[in-house]
Amino acid sequence: MTLEHWKYDAGTDSVAAMVIPAALARTRTFDLDAMLLVQVPAGSPEGWLELTVEVDGKRLWSRRIPTHQPGDTDNLEYHHRLTIEADADCRVRAKAACKGCRVLSLVVEARETVY
C-alpha cells in the first residue's frame, strides 16, 4: 500500500485550501501541518501574525502572536493528527493574517501515517 501525501503551497497568498479525497472502505490517519512564514521589516512598529486552521469548515486551531526579530522572518506552525473515516473526503484550510509584516509563505500538508 502506498501512503498518501497531499500538499498545497499558497506562496504569498493568505489562504491555503485543499481537499483530501475519500478512500473507499478505508479509514486513514494523517499528520497535518500548517506553516506560516512572514517577513518583519526593520524598524517595523509592533506587529503580529496569526494562523488559523480549519477542517471541514470548523476551526481546529488559531493563534496570534506578536512579531519578533525586525528585519528578519518570523513563523507560526501547527501540527495535528487527523483521522478521516472511510468514504469521506476532508477539506483543510489554513488562513494567515498579519499586521506590520508580510506573508512570505503559507503551506498546508497532510502525510498519511500507519500506527
PDB file of N, CA and C in Angstrom:
ATOM      1  N   MET A   1       0.847  -1.181   0.000  1.00  0.00           N
ATOM      2  CA  MET A   1       0.000   0.000   0.000  1.00  0.00           C
ATOM      3  C   MET A   1       0.893   1.246   0.000  1.00  0.00           C
ATOM      4  N   THR A   2       0.577   2.182  -0.848  1.00  0.00           N
ATOM      5  CA  THR A   2       1.294   3.450  -0.913  1.00  0.00           C
ATOM      6  C   THR A   2       0.591   4.460  -0.018  1.00  0.00           C
ATOM      7  N   LEU A   3       1.357   5.111   0.844  1.00  0.00           N
ATOM      8  CA  LEU A   3       0.787   6.121   1.730  1.00  0.00           C
ATOM      9  C   LEU A   3       0.564   7.416   0.961  1.00  0.00           C
ATOM     10  N   GLU A   4      -0.502   8.118   1.316  1.00  0.00           N
ATOM     11  CA  GLU A   4      -0.870   9.353   0.624  1.00  0.00           C
ATOM     12  C   GLU A   4      -0.103  10.550   1.181  1.00  0.00           C
ATOM     13  N   HIS A   5       0.134  11.517   0.296  1.00  0.00           N
ATOM     14  CA  HIS A   5       0.778  12.772   0.681  1.00  0.00           C
ATOM     15  C   HIS A   5       0.098  13.884  -0.110  1.00  0.00           C
ATOM     16  N   TRP A   6      -0.480  14.849   0.607  1.00  0.00           N
ATOM     17  CA  TRP A   6      -1.167  15.976  -0.016  1.00  0.00           C
ATOM     18  C   TRP A   6      -0.520  17.255   0.483  1.00  0.00           C
ATOM     19  N   LYS A   7      -0.301  18.203  -0.436  1.00  0.00           N
ATOM     20  CA  LYS A   7       0.351  19.459  -0.060  1.00  0.00           C
ATOM     21  C   LYS A   7      -0.168  20.583  -0.947  1.00  0.00           C
ATOM     22  N   TYR A   8      -0.396  21.747  -0.315  1.00  0.00           N
ATOM     23  CA  TYR A   8      -0.740  22.944  -1.078  1.00  0.00           C
ATOM     24  C   TYR A   8       0.123  24.093  -0.574  1.00  0.00           C
ATOM     25  N   ASP A   9       0.861  24.701  -1.486  1.00  0.00           N
ATOM     26  CA  ASP A   9       1.716  25.847  -1.180  1.00  0.00           C
ATOM     27  C   ASP A   9       1.048  27.083  -1.764  1.00  0.00           C
ATOM     28  N   ALA A  10       0.548  27.951  -0.900  1.00  0.00           N
ATOM     29  CA  ALA A  10      -0.170  29.148  -1.346  1.00  0.00           C
ATOM     30  C   ALA A  10       0.770  30.304  -1.650  1.00  0.00           C
ATOM     31  N   GLY A  11       2.072  30.120  -1.437  1.00  0.00           N
ATOM     32  CA  GLY A  11       3.014  31.206  -1.686  1.00  0.00           C
ATOM     33  C   GLY A  11       2.720  32.378  -0.769  1.00  0.00           C
ATOM     34  N   THR A  12       2.565  33.570  -1.342  1.00  0.00           N
ATOM     35  CA  THR A  12       2.319  34.774  -0.543  1.00  0.00           C
ATOM     36  C   THR A  12       0.830  35.053  -0.320  1.00  0.00           C
ATOM     37  N   ASP A  13      -0.044  34.174  -0.796  1.00  0.00           N
ATOM     38  CA  ASP A  13      -1.484  34.336  -0.555  1.00  0.00           C
ATOM     39  C   ASP A  13      -1.796  34.090   0.918  1.00  0.00           C
ATOM     40  N   SER A  14      -2.950  34.548   1.358  1.00  0.00           N
ATOM     41  CA  SER A  14      -3.302  34.417   2.772  1.00  0.00           C
ATOM     42  C   SER A  14      -4.193  33.217   3.077  1.00  0.00           C
ATOM     43  N   VAL A  15      -4.543  32.422   2.052  1.00  0.00           N
ATOM     44  CA  VAL A  15      -5.365  31.227   2.269  1.00  0.00           C
ATOM     45  C   VAL A  15      -4.768  30.061   1.494  1.00  0.00           C
ATOM     46  N   ALA A  16      -4.616  28.927   2.191  1.00  0.00           N
ATOM     47  CA  ALA A  16      -4.182  27.678   1.556  1.00  0.00           C
ATOM     48  C   ALA A  16      -5.277  26.654   1.826  1.00  0.00           C
ATOM     49  N   ALA A  17      -5.899  26.151   0.768  1.00  0.00           N
ATOM     50  CA  ALA A  17      -7.003  25.200   0.933  1.00  0.00           C
ATOM     51  C   ALA A  17      -6.779  23.985   0.053  1.00  0.00           C
ATOM     52  N   MET A  18      -7.151  22.820   0.577  1.00  0.00           N
ATOM     53  CA  MET A  18      -7.049  21.593  -0.208  1.00  0.00           C
ATOM     54  C   MET A  18      -8.109  20.610   0.266  1.00  0.00           C
ATOM     55  N   VAL A  19      -8.421  19.666  -0.610  1.00  0.00           N
ATOM     56  CA  VAL A  19      -9.359  18.593  -0.287  1.00  0.00           C
ATOM     57  C   VAL A  19      -8.604  17.279  -0.364  1.00  0.00           C
ATOM     58  N   ILE A  20      -8.687  16.503   0.710  1.00  0.00           N
ATOM     59  CA  ILE A  20      -8.143  15.145   0.701  1.00  0.00           C
ATOM     60  C   ILE A  20      -9.299  14.251   0.265  1.00  0.00           C
ATOM     61  N   PRO A  21      -9.198  13.614  -0.911  1.00  0.00           N
ATOM     62  CA  PRO A  21     -10.325  12.839  -1.430  1.00  0.00           C
ATOM     63  C   PRO A  21     -10.637  11.607  -0.580  1.00  0.00           C
ATOM     64  N   ALA A  22     -11.866  11.140  -0.694  1.00  0.00           N
ATOM     65  CA  ALA A  22     -12.310   9.951   0.036  1.00  0.00           C
ATOM     66  C   ALA A  22     -11.571   8.709  -0.455  1.00  0.00           C
ATOM     67  N   ALA A  23     -11.447   7.737   0.438  1.00  0.00           N
ATOM     68  CA  ALA A  23     -10.892   6.425   0.090  1.00  0.00           C
ATOM     69  C   ALA A  23     -11.971   5.391   0.384  1.00  0.00           C
ATOM     70  N   LEU A  24     -12.223   4.519  -0.562  1.00  0.00           N
ATOM     71  CA  LEU A  24     -13.267   3.517  -0.397  1.00  0.00           C
ATOM     72  C   LEU A  24     -12.900   2.520   0.698  1.00  0.00           C
ATOM     73  N   ALA A  25     -13.785   2.369   1.643  1.00  0.00           N
ATOM     74  CA  ALA A  25     -13.701   1.335   2.680  1.00  0.00           C
ATOM     75  C   ALA A  25     -12.385   1.346   3.460  1.00  0.00           C
ATOM     76  N   ARG A  26     -11.788   2.538   3.638  1.00  0.00           N
ATOM     77  CA  ARG A  26     -10.527   2.586   4.379  1.00  0.00           C
ATOM     78  C   ARG A  26     -10.456   3.870   5.203  1.00  0.00           C
ATOM     79  N   THR A  27     -10.346   3.717   6.519  1.00  0.00           N
ATOM     80  CA  THR A  27     -10.108   4.853   7.406  1.00  0.00           C
ATOM     81  C   THR A  27      -8.620   5.173   7.361  1.00  0.00           C
ATOM     82  N   ARG A  28      -8.301   6.466   7.293  1.00  0.00           N
ATOM     83  CA  ARG A  28      -6.897   6.878   7.186  1.00  0.00           C
ATOM     84  C   ARG A  28      -6.546   7.869   8.285  1.00  0.00           C
ATOM     85  N   THR A  29      -5.274   7.865   8.668  1.00  0.00           N
ATOM     86  CA  THR A  29      -4.751   8.816   9.649  1.00  0.00           C
ATOM     87  C   THR A  29      -3.645   9.627   8.985  1.00  0.00           C
ATOM     88  N   PHE A  30      -3.719  10.945   9.160  1.00  0.00           N
ATOM     89  CA  PHE A  30      -2.744  11.855   8.561  1.00  0.00           C
ATOM     90  C   PHE A  30      -2.085  12.705   9.640  1.00  0.00           C
ATOM     91  N   ASP A  31      -0.825  13.035   9.432  1.00  0.00           N
ATOM     92  CA  ASP A  31      -0.163  14.089  10.181  1.00  0.00           C
ATOM     93  C   ASP A  31      -0.378  15.360   9.375  1.00  0.00           C
ATOM     94  N   LEU A  32      -1.112  16.295   9.949  1.00  0.00           N
ATOM     95  CA  LEU A  32      -1.473  17.544   9.282  1.00  0.00           C
ATOM     96  C   LEU A  32      -0.573  18.657   9.801  1.00  0.00           C
ATOM     97  N   ASP A  33       0.040  19.399   8.886  1.00  0.00           N
ATOM     98  CA  ASP A  33       0.910  20.519   9.248  1.00  0.00           C
ATOM     99  C   ASP A  33       0.490  21.765   8.487  1.00  0.00           C
ATOM    100  N   ALA A  34       0.476  22.898   9.189  1.00  0.00           N
ATOM    101  CA  ALA A  34       0.258  24.202   8.565  1.00  0.00           C
ATOM    102  C   ALA A  34       1.419  25.090   8.987  1.00  0.00           C
ATOM    103  N   MET A  35       2.019  25.774   8.003  1.00  0.00           N
ATOM    104  CA  MET A  35       3.210  26.577   8.273  1.00  0.00           C
ATOM    105  C   MET A  35       3.078  27.960   7.641  1.00  0.00           C
ATOM    106  N   LEU A  36       3.268  28.993   8.451  1.00  0.00           N
ATOM    107  CA  LEU A  36       3.206  30.384   8.003  1.00  0.00           C
ATOM    108  C   LEU A  36       4.560  31.036   8.253  1.00  0.00           C
ATOM    109  N   LEU A  37       5.106  31.677   7.227  1.00  0.00           N
ATOM    110  CA  LEU A  37       6.370  32.407   7.329  1.00  0.00           C
ATOM    111  C   LEU A  37       6.117  33.843   6.881  1.00  0.00           C
ATOM    112  N   VAL A  38       6.541  34.819   7.701  1.00  0.00           N
ATOM    113  CA  VAL A  38       6.354  36.233   7.369  1.00  0.00           C
ATOM    114  C   VAL A  38       7.685  36.969   7.409  1.00  0.00           C
ATOM    115  N   GLN A  39       7.741  38.084   6.674  1.00  0.00           N
ATOM    116  CA  GLN A  39       8.888  38.992   6.700  1.00  0.00           C
ATOM    117  C   GLN A  39       8.523  40.166   7.595  1.00  0.00           C
ATOM    118  N   VAL A  40       9.369  40.436   8.588  1.00  0.00           N
ATOM    119  CA  VAL A  40       9.149  41.560   9.501  1.00  0.00           C
ATOM    120  C   VAL A  40      10.123  42.667   9.102  1.00  0.00           C
ATOM    121  N   PRO A  41       9.633  43.789   8.558  1.00  0.00           N
ATOM    122  CA  PRO A  41      10.538  44.856   8.131  1.00  0.00           C
ATOM    123  C   PRO A  41      11.325  45.444   9.302  1.00  0.00           C
ATOM    124  N   ALA A  42      12.547  45.878   9.022  1.00  0.00           N
ATOM    125  CA  ALA A  42      13.364  46.556  10.040  1.00  0.00           C
ATOM    126  C   ALA A  42      12.649  47.834  10.462  1.00  0.00           C
ATOM    127  N   GLY A  43      12.670  48.126  11.737  1.00  0.00           N
ATOM    128  CA  GLY A  43      12.032  49.337  12.240  1.00  0.00           C
ATOM    129  C   GLY A  43      10.521  49.283  12.221  1.00  0.00           C
ATOM    130  N   SER A  44       9.963  48.108  12.024  1.00  0.00           N
ATOM    131  CA  SER A  44       8.513  47.947  11.977  1.00  0.00           C
ATOM    132  C   SER A  44       7.905  48.215  13.352  1.00  0.00           C
ATOM    133  N   PRO A  45       6.765  48.943  13.382  1.00  0.00           N
ATOM    134  CA  PRO A  45       6.088  49.110  14.671  1.00  0.00           C
ATOM    135  C   PRO A  45       5.589  47.741  15.149  1.00  0.00           C
ATOM    136  N   GLU A  46       5.110  47.701  16.362  1.00  0.00           N
ATOM    137  CA  GLU A  46       4.640  46.428  16.906  1.00  0.00           C
ATOM    138  C   GLU A  46       3.613  45.802  15.966  1.00  0.00           C
ATOM    139  N   GLY A  47       3.924  44.608  15.510  1.00  0.00           N
ATOM    140  CA  GLY A  47       3.025  43.901  14.612  1.00  0.00           C
ATOM    141  C   GLY A  47       2.677  42.537  15.176  1.00  0.00           C
ATOM    142  N   TRP A  48       1.909  41.785  14.406  1.00  0.00           N
ATOM    143  CA  TRP A  48       1.526  40.443  14.822  1.00  0.00           C
ATOM    144  C   TRP A  48       1.320  39.560  13.596  1.00  0.00           C
ATOM    145  N   LEU A  49       1.325  38.258  13.834  1.00  0.00           N
ATOM    146  CA  LEU A  49       0.978  37.292  12.802  1.00  0.00           C
ATOM    147  C   LEU A  49       0.001  36.301  13.399  1.00  0.00           C
ATOM    148  N   GLU A  50      -0.883  35.783  12.542  1.00  0.00           N
ATOM    149  CA  GLU A  50      -1.943  34.889  13.007  1.00  0.00           C
ATOM    150  C   GLU A  50      -2.127  33.763  12.006  1.00  0.00           C
ATOM    151  N   LEU A  51      -2.322  32.554  12.523  1.00  0.00           N
ATOM    152  CA  LEU A  51      -2.586  31.378  11.697  1.00  0.00           C
ATOM    153  C   LEU A  51      -3.820  30.686  12.243  1.00  0.00           C
ATOM    154  N   THR A  52      -4.776  30.395  11.359  1.00  0.00           N
ATOM    155  CA  THR A  52      -5.994  29.671  11.715  1.00  0.00           C
ATOM    156  C   THR A  52      -6.085  28.442  10.829  1.00  0.00           C
ATOM    157  N   VAL A  53      -6.410  27.294  11.438  1.00  0.00           N
ATOM    158  CA  VAL A  53      -6.546  26.044  10.689  1.00  0.00           C
ATOM    159  C   VAL A  53      -7.976  25.540  10.858  1.00  0.00           C
ATOM    160  N   GLU A  54      -8.619  25.220   9.728  1.00  0.00           N
ATOM    161  CA  GLU A  54      -9.988  24.698   9.729  1.00  0.00           C
ATOM    162  C   GLU A  54     -10.015  23.340   9.045  1.00  0.00           C
ATOM    163  N   VAL A  55     -10.844  22.442   9.571  1.00  0.00           N
ATOM    164  CA  VAL A  55     -11.065  21.133   8.951  1.00  0.00           C
ATOM    165  C   VAL A  55     -12.565  20.968   8.763  1.00  0.00           C
ATOM    166  N   ASP A  56     -12.977  20.731   7.533  1.00  0.00           N
ATOM    167  CA  ASP A  56     -14.393  20.594   7.179  1.00  0.00           C
ATOM    168  C   ASP A  56     -15.223  21.767   7.688  1.00  0.00           C
ATOM    169  N   GLY A  57     -14.668  22.973   7.564  1.00  0.00           N
ATOM    170  CA  GLY A  57     -15.388  24.189   7.903  1.00  0.00           C
ATOM    171  C   GLY A  57     -15.410  24.556   9.375  1.00  0.00           C
ATOM    172  N   LYS A  58     -14.793  23.741  10.231  1.00  0.00           N
ATOM    173  CA  LYS A  58     -14.774  24.022  11.666  1.00  0.00           C
ATOM    174  C   LYS A  58     -13.366  24.421  12.094  1.00  0.00           C
ATOM    175  N   ARG A  59     -13.289  25.472  12.909  1.00  0.00           N
ATOM    176  CA  ARG A  59     -11.983  25.928  13.390  1.00  0.00           C
ATOM    177  C   ARG A  59     -11.372  24.861  14.292  1.00  0.00           C
ATOM    178  N   LEU A  60     -10.185  24.438  13.921  1.00  0.00           N
ATOM    179  CA  LEU A  60      -9.446  23.444  14.691  1.00  0.00           C
ATOM    180  C   LEU A  60      -8.470  24.129  15.646  1.00  0.00           C
ATOM    181  N   TRP A  61      -7.871  25.229  15.176  1.00  0.00           N
ATOM    182  CA  TRP A  61      -6.836  25.906  15.960  1.00  0.00           C
ATOM    183  C   TRP A  61      -6.642  27.307  15.413  1.00  0.00           C
ATOM    184  N   SER A  62      -6.314  28.256  16.292  1.00  0.00           N
ATOM    185  CA  SER A  62      -5.993  29.614  15.869  1.00  0.00           C
ATOM    186  C   SER A  62      -5.055  30.230  16.901  1.00  0.00           C
ATOM    187  N   ARG A  63      -4.070  30.963  16.401  1.00  0.00           N
ATOM    188  CA  ARG A  63      -3.116  31.602  17.307  1.00  0.00           C
ATOM    189  C   ARG A  63      -2.648  32.914  16.693  1.00  0.00           C
ATOM    190  N   ARG A  64      -2.572  33.964  17.521  1.00  0.00           N
ATOM    191  CA  ARG A  64      -1.996  35.252  17.121  1.00  0.00           C
ATOM    192  C   ARG A  64      -0.867  35.554  18.096  1.00  0.00           C
ATOM    193  N   ILE A  65       0.299  35.900  17.544  1.00  0.00           N
ATOM    194  CA  ILE A  65       1.452  36.227  18.383  1.00  0.00           C
ATOM    195  C   ILE A  65       2.084  37.524  17.886  1.00  0.00           C
ATOM    196  N   PRO A  66       2.757  38.265  18.785  1.00  0.00           N
ATOM    197  CA  PRO A  66       3.477  39.460  18.336  1.00  0.00           C
ATOM    198  C   PRO A  66       4.684  39.065  17.489  1.00  0.00           C
ATOM    199  N   THR A  67       5.043  39.937  16.548  1.00  0.00           N
ATOM    200  CA  THR A  67       6.227  39.674  15.729  1.00  0.00           C
ATOM    201  C   THR A  67       7.485  39.909  16.550  1.00  0.00           C
ATOM    202  N   HIS A  68       8.540  39.230  16.139  1.00  0.00           N
ATOM    203  CA  HIS A  68       9.853  39.352  16.767  1.00  0.00           C
ATOM    204  C   HIS A  68      10.874  39.552  15.651  1.00  0.00           C
ATOM    205  N   GLN A  69      12.073  39.896  15.997  1.00  0.00           N
ATOM    206  CA  GLN A  69      13.192  39.987  15.066  1.00  0.00           C
ATOM    207  C   GLN A  69      12.939  40.919  13.877  1.00  0.00           C
ATOM    208  N   PRO A  70      12.725  42.215  14.114  1.00  0.00           N
ATOM    209  CA  PRO A  70      12.584  43.150  12.992  1.00  0.00           C
ATOM    210  C   PRO A  70      13.765  43.028  12.034  1.00  0.00           C
ATOM    211  N   GLY A  71      13.477  43.076  10.743  1.00  0.00           N
ATOM    212  CA  GLY A  71      14.497  42.926   9.716  1.00  0.00           C
ATOM    213  C   GLY A  71      14.761  41.475   9.359  1.00  0.00           C
ATOM    214  N   ASP A  72      14.004  40.562   9.929  1.00  0.00           N
ATOM    215  CA  ASP A  72      14.192  39.129   9.678  1.00  0.00           C
ATOM    216  C   ASP A  72      12.822  38.483   9.452  1.00  0.00           C
ATOM    217  N   THR A  73      12.757  37.167   9.563  1.00  0.00           N
ATOM    218  CA  THR A  73      11.499  36.451   9.380  1.00  0.00           C
ATOM    219  C   THR A  73      10.980  35.951  10.723  1.00  0.00           C
ATOM    220  N   ASP A  74       9.693  35.634  10.739  1.00  0.00           N
ATOM    221  CA  ASP A  74       9.046  35.043  11.906  1.00  0.00           C
ATOM    222  C   ASP A  74       8.076  33.990  11.383  1.00  0.00           C
ATOM    223  N   ASN A  75       7.667  33.060  12.241  1.00  0.00           N
ATOM    224  CA  ASN A  75       6.793  31.999  11.747  1.00  0.00           C
ATOM    225  C   ASN A  75       5.868  31.461  12.829  1.00  0.00           C
ATOM    226  N   LEU A  76       4.820  30.796  12.365  1.00  0.00           N
ATOM    227  CA  LEU A  76       3.895  30.038  13.201  1.00  0.00           C
ATOM    228  C   LEU A  76       3.694  28.692  12.517  1.00  0.00           C
ATOM    229  N   GLU A  77       3.660  27.625  13.303  1.00  0.00           N
ATOM    230  CA  GLU A  77       3.430  26.286  12.757  1.00  0.00           C
ATOM    231  C   GLU A  77       2.428  25.557  13.637  1.00  0.00           C
ATOM    232  N   TYR A  78       1.667  24.647  13.019  1.00  0.00           N
ATOM    233  CA  TYR A  78       0.697  23.842  13.753  1.00  0.00           C
ATOM    234  C   TYR A  78       0.767  22.416  13.244  1.00  0.00           C
ATOM    235  N   HIS A  79       0.699  21.456  14.173  1.00  0.00           N
ATOM    236  CA  HIS A  79       0.710  20.038  13.828  1.00  0.00           C
ATOM    237  C   HIS A  79      -0.481  19.365  14.510  1.00  0.00           C
ATOM    238  N   HIS A  80      -1.142  18.454  13.765  1.00  0.00           N
ATOM    239  CA  HIS A  80      -2.317  17.765  14.301  1.00  0.00           C
ATOM    240  C   HIS A  80      -2.429  16.391  13.649  1.00  0.00           C
ATOM    241  N   ARG A  81      -2.797  15.410  14.425  1.00  0.00           N
ATOM    242  CA  ARG A  81      -3.069  14.079  13.871  1.00  0.00           C
ATOM    243  C   ARG A  81      -4.552  14.025  13.527  1.00  0.00           C
ATOM    244  N   LEU A  82      -4.856  13.707  12.283  1.00  0.00           N
ATOM    245  CA  LEU A  82      -6.207  13.786  11.743  1.00  0.00           C
ATOM    246  C   LEU A  82      -6.644  12.421  11.235  1.00  0.00           C
ATOM    247  N   THR A  83      -7.802  11.946  11.691  1.00  0.00           N
ATOM    248  CA  THR A  83      -8.360  10.684  11.202  1.00  0.00           C
ATOM    249  C   THR A  83      -9.519  10.996  10.269  1.00  0.00           C
ATOM    250  N   ILE A  84      -9.493  10.399   9.088  1.00  0.00           N
ATOM    251  CA  ILE A  84     -10.555  10.584   8.099  1.00  0.00           C
ATOM    252  C   ILE A  84     -11.245   9.243   7.911  1.00  0.00           C
ATOM    253  N   GLU A  85     -12.549   9.226   8.156  1.00  0.00           N
ATOM    254  CA  GLU A  85     -13.317   7.986   8.058  1.00  0.00           C
ATOM    255  C   GLU A  85     -13.414   7.506   6.608  1.00  0.00           C
ATOM    256  N   ALA A  86     -13.662   6.221   6.451  1.00  0.00           N
ATOM    257  CA  ALA A  86     -13.808   5.625   5.121  1.00  0.00           C
ATOM    258  C   ALA A  86     -14.926   6.323   4.351  1.00  0.00           C
ATOM    259  N   ASP A  87     -14.745   6.446   3.060  1.00  0.00           N
ATOM    260  CA  ASP A  87     -15.735   7.019   2.139  1.00  0.00           C
ATOM    261  C   ASP A  87     -16.044   8.494   2.406  1.00  0.00           C
ATOM    262  N   ALA A  88     -15.173   9.192   3.134  1.00  0.00           N
ATOM    263  CA  ALA A  88     -15.382  10.618   3.409  1.00  0.00           C
ATOM    264  C   ALA A  88     -14.163  11.403   2.941  1.00  0.00           C
ATOM    265  N   ASP A  89     -14.439  12.535   2.278  1.00  0.00           N
ATOM    266  CA  ASP A  89     -13.314  13.413   1.954  1.00  0.00           C
ATOM    267  C   ASP A  89     -13.152  14.414   3.098  1.00  0.00           C
ATOM    268  N   CYS A  90     -12.117  15.230   3.016  1.00  0.00           N
ATOM    269  CA  CYS A  90     -11.821  16.168   4.098  1.00  0.00           C
ATOM    270  C   CYS A  90     -11.301  17.473   3.494  1.00  0.00           C
ATOM    271  N   ARG A  91     -11.925  18.582   3.884  1.00  0.00           N
ATOM    272  CA  ARG A  91     -11.493  19.902   3.432  1.00  0.00           C
ATOM    273  C   ARG A  91     -10.618  20.534   4.513  1.00  0.00           C
ATOM    274  N   VAL A  92      -9.428  20.947   4.127  1.00  0.00           N
ATOM    275  CA  VAL A  92      -8.485  21.568   5.059  1.00  0.00           C
ATOM    276  C   VAL A  92      -8.179  22.975   4.553  1.00  0.00           C
ATOM    277  N   ARG A  93      -8.221  23.948   5.474  1.00  0.00           N
ATOM    278  CA  ARG A  93      -7.910  25.320   5.085  1.00  0.00           C
ATOM    279  C   ARG A  93      -7.065  25.976   6.169  1.00  0.00           C
ATOM    280  N   ALA A  94      -5.993  26.636   5.747  1.00  0.00           N
ATOM    281  CA  ALA A  94      -5.157  27.435   6.644  1.00  0.00           C
ATOM    282  C   ALA A  94      -5.288  28.886   6.200  1.00  0.00           C
ATOM    283  N   LYS A  95      -5.521  29.782   7.165  1.00  0.00           N
ATOM    284  CA  LYS A  95      -5.670  31.205   6.860  1.00  0.00           C
ATOM    285  C   LYS A  95      -4.630  31.997   7.639  1.00  0.00           C
ATOM    286  N   ALA A  96      -3.983  32.919   6.941  1.00  0.00           N
ATOM    287  CA  ALA A  96      -2.972  33.780   7.555  1.00  0.00           C
ATOM    288  C   ALA A  96      -3.507  35.202   7.642  1.00  0.00           C
ATOM    289  N   ALA A  97      -3.118  35.880   8.703  1.00  0.00           N
ATOM    290  CA  ALA A  97      -3.399  37.308   8.847  1.00  0.00           C
ATOM    291  C   ALA A  97      -2.173  37.916   9.520  1.00  0.00           C
ATOM    292  N   CYS A  98      -1.908  39.191   9.205  1.00  0.00           N
ATOM    293  CA  CYS A  98      -0.752  39.824   9.835  1.00  0.00           C
ATOM    294  C   CYS A  98      -0.893  41.344   9.792  1.00  0.00           C
ATOM    295  N   LYS A  99      -0.138  41.999  10.681  1.00  0.00           N
ATOM    296  CA  LYS A  99      -0.087  43.460  10.726  1.00  0.00           C
ATOM    297  C   LYS A  99       1.367  43.838  10.958  1.00  0.00           C
ATOM    298  N   GLY A 100       1.887  44.766  10.164  1.00  0.00           N
ATOM    299  CA  GLY A 100       3.265  45.203  10.314  1.00  0.00           C
ATOM    300  C   GLY A 100       4.280  44.217   9.765  1.00  0.00           C
ATOM    301  N   CYS A 101       3.829  43.271   8.955  1.00  0.00           N
ATOM    302  CA  CYS A 101       4.712  42.294   8.303  1.00  0.00           C
ATOM    303  C   CYS A 101       3.989  41.791   7.053  1.00  0.00           C
ATOM    304  N   ARG A 102       4.655  40.943   6.266  1.00  0.00           N
ATOM    305  CA  ARG A 102       4.002  40.418   5.062  1.00  0.00           C
ATOM    306  C   ARG A 102       4.245  38.923   4.938  1.00  0.00           C
ATOM    307  N   VAL A 103       3.257  38.238   4.377  1.00  0.00           N
ATOM    308  CA  VAL A 103       3.333  36.784   4.212  1.00  0.00           C
ATOM    309  C   VAL A 103       4.362  36.448   3.137  1.00  0.00           C
ATOM    310  N   LEU A 104       5.311  35.586   3.477  1.00  0.00           N
ATOM    311  CA  LEU A 104       6.275  35.052   2.509  1.00  0.00           C
ATOM    312  C   LEU A 104       5.852  33.676   2.021  1.00  0.00           C
ATOM    313  N   SER A 105       5.249  32.884   2.920  1.00  0.00           N
ATOM    314  CA  SER A 105       4.885  31.513   2.570  1.00  0.00           C
ATOM    315  C   SER A 105       3.786  31.005   3.492  1.00  0.00           C
ATOM    316  N   LEU A 106       2.807  30.319   2.888  1.00  0.00           N
ATOM    317  CA  LEU A 106       1.755  29.636   3.639  1.00  0.00           C
ATOM    318  C   LEU A 106       1.579  28.264   3.007  1.00  0.00           C
ATOM    319  N   VAL A 107       1.803  27.214   3.797  1.00  0.00           N
ATOM    320  CA  VAL A 107       1.764  25.845   3.282  1.00  0.00           C
ATOM    321  C   VAL A 107       0.916  24.988   4.207  1.00  0.00           C
ATOM    322  N   VAL A 108       0.076  24.128   3.610  1.00  0.00           N
ATOM    323  CA  VAL A 108      -0.655  23.119   4.369  1.00  0.00           C
ATOM    324  C   VAL A 108      -0.298  21.765   3.758  1.00  0.00           C
ATOM    325  N   GLU A 109      -0.045  20.779   4.627  1.00  0.00           N
ATOM    326  CA  GLU A 109       0.445  19.480   4.166  1.00  0.00           C
ATOM    327  C   GLU A 109      -0.153  18.375   5.029  1.00  0.00           C
ATOM    328  N   ALA A 110      -0.504  17.251   4.393  1.00  0.00           N
ATOM    329  CA  ALA A 110      -1.029  16.084   5.110  1.00  0.00           C
ATOM    330  C   ALA A 110      -0.291  14.846   4.616  1.00  0.00           C
ATOM    331  N   ARG A 111       0.336  14.134   5.555  1.00  0.00           N
ATOM    332  CA  ARG A 111       1.058  12.889   5.243  1.00  0.00           C
ATOM    333  C   ARG A 111       0.362  11.740   5.961  1.00  0.00           C
ATOM    334  N   GLU A 112      -0.053  10.746   5.180  1.00  0.00           N
ATOM    335  CA  GLU A 112      -0.691   9.580   5.787  1.00  0.00           C
ATOM    336  C   GLU A 112       0.333   8.809   6.616  1.00  0.00           C
ATOM    337  N   THR A 113      -0.119   8.341   7.766  1.00  0.00           N
ATOM    338  CA  THR A 113       0.752   7.572   8.653  1.00  0.00           C
ATOM    339  C   THR A 113       0.072   6.260   9.010  1.00  0.00           C
ATOM    340  N   VAL A 114       0.864   5.262   9.360  1.00  0.00           N
ATOM    341  CA  VAL A 114       0.345   3.973   9.802  1.00  0.00           C
ATOM    342  C   VAL A 114       0.919   3.704  11.181  1.00  0.00           C
ATOM    343  N   TYR A 115       0.040   3.461  12.146  1.00  0.00           N
ATOM    344  CA  TYR A 115       0.484   3.202  13.523  1.00  0.00           C
ATOM    345  C   TYR A 115       0.059   1.823  13.947  1.00  0.00           C
TER     346      TYR A 115
END
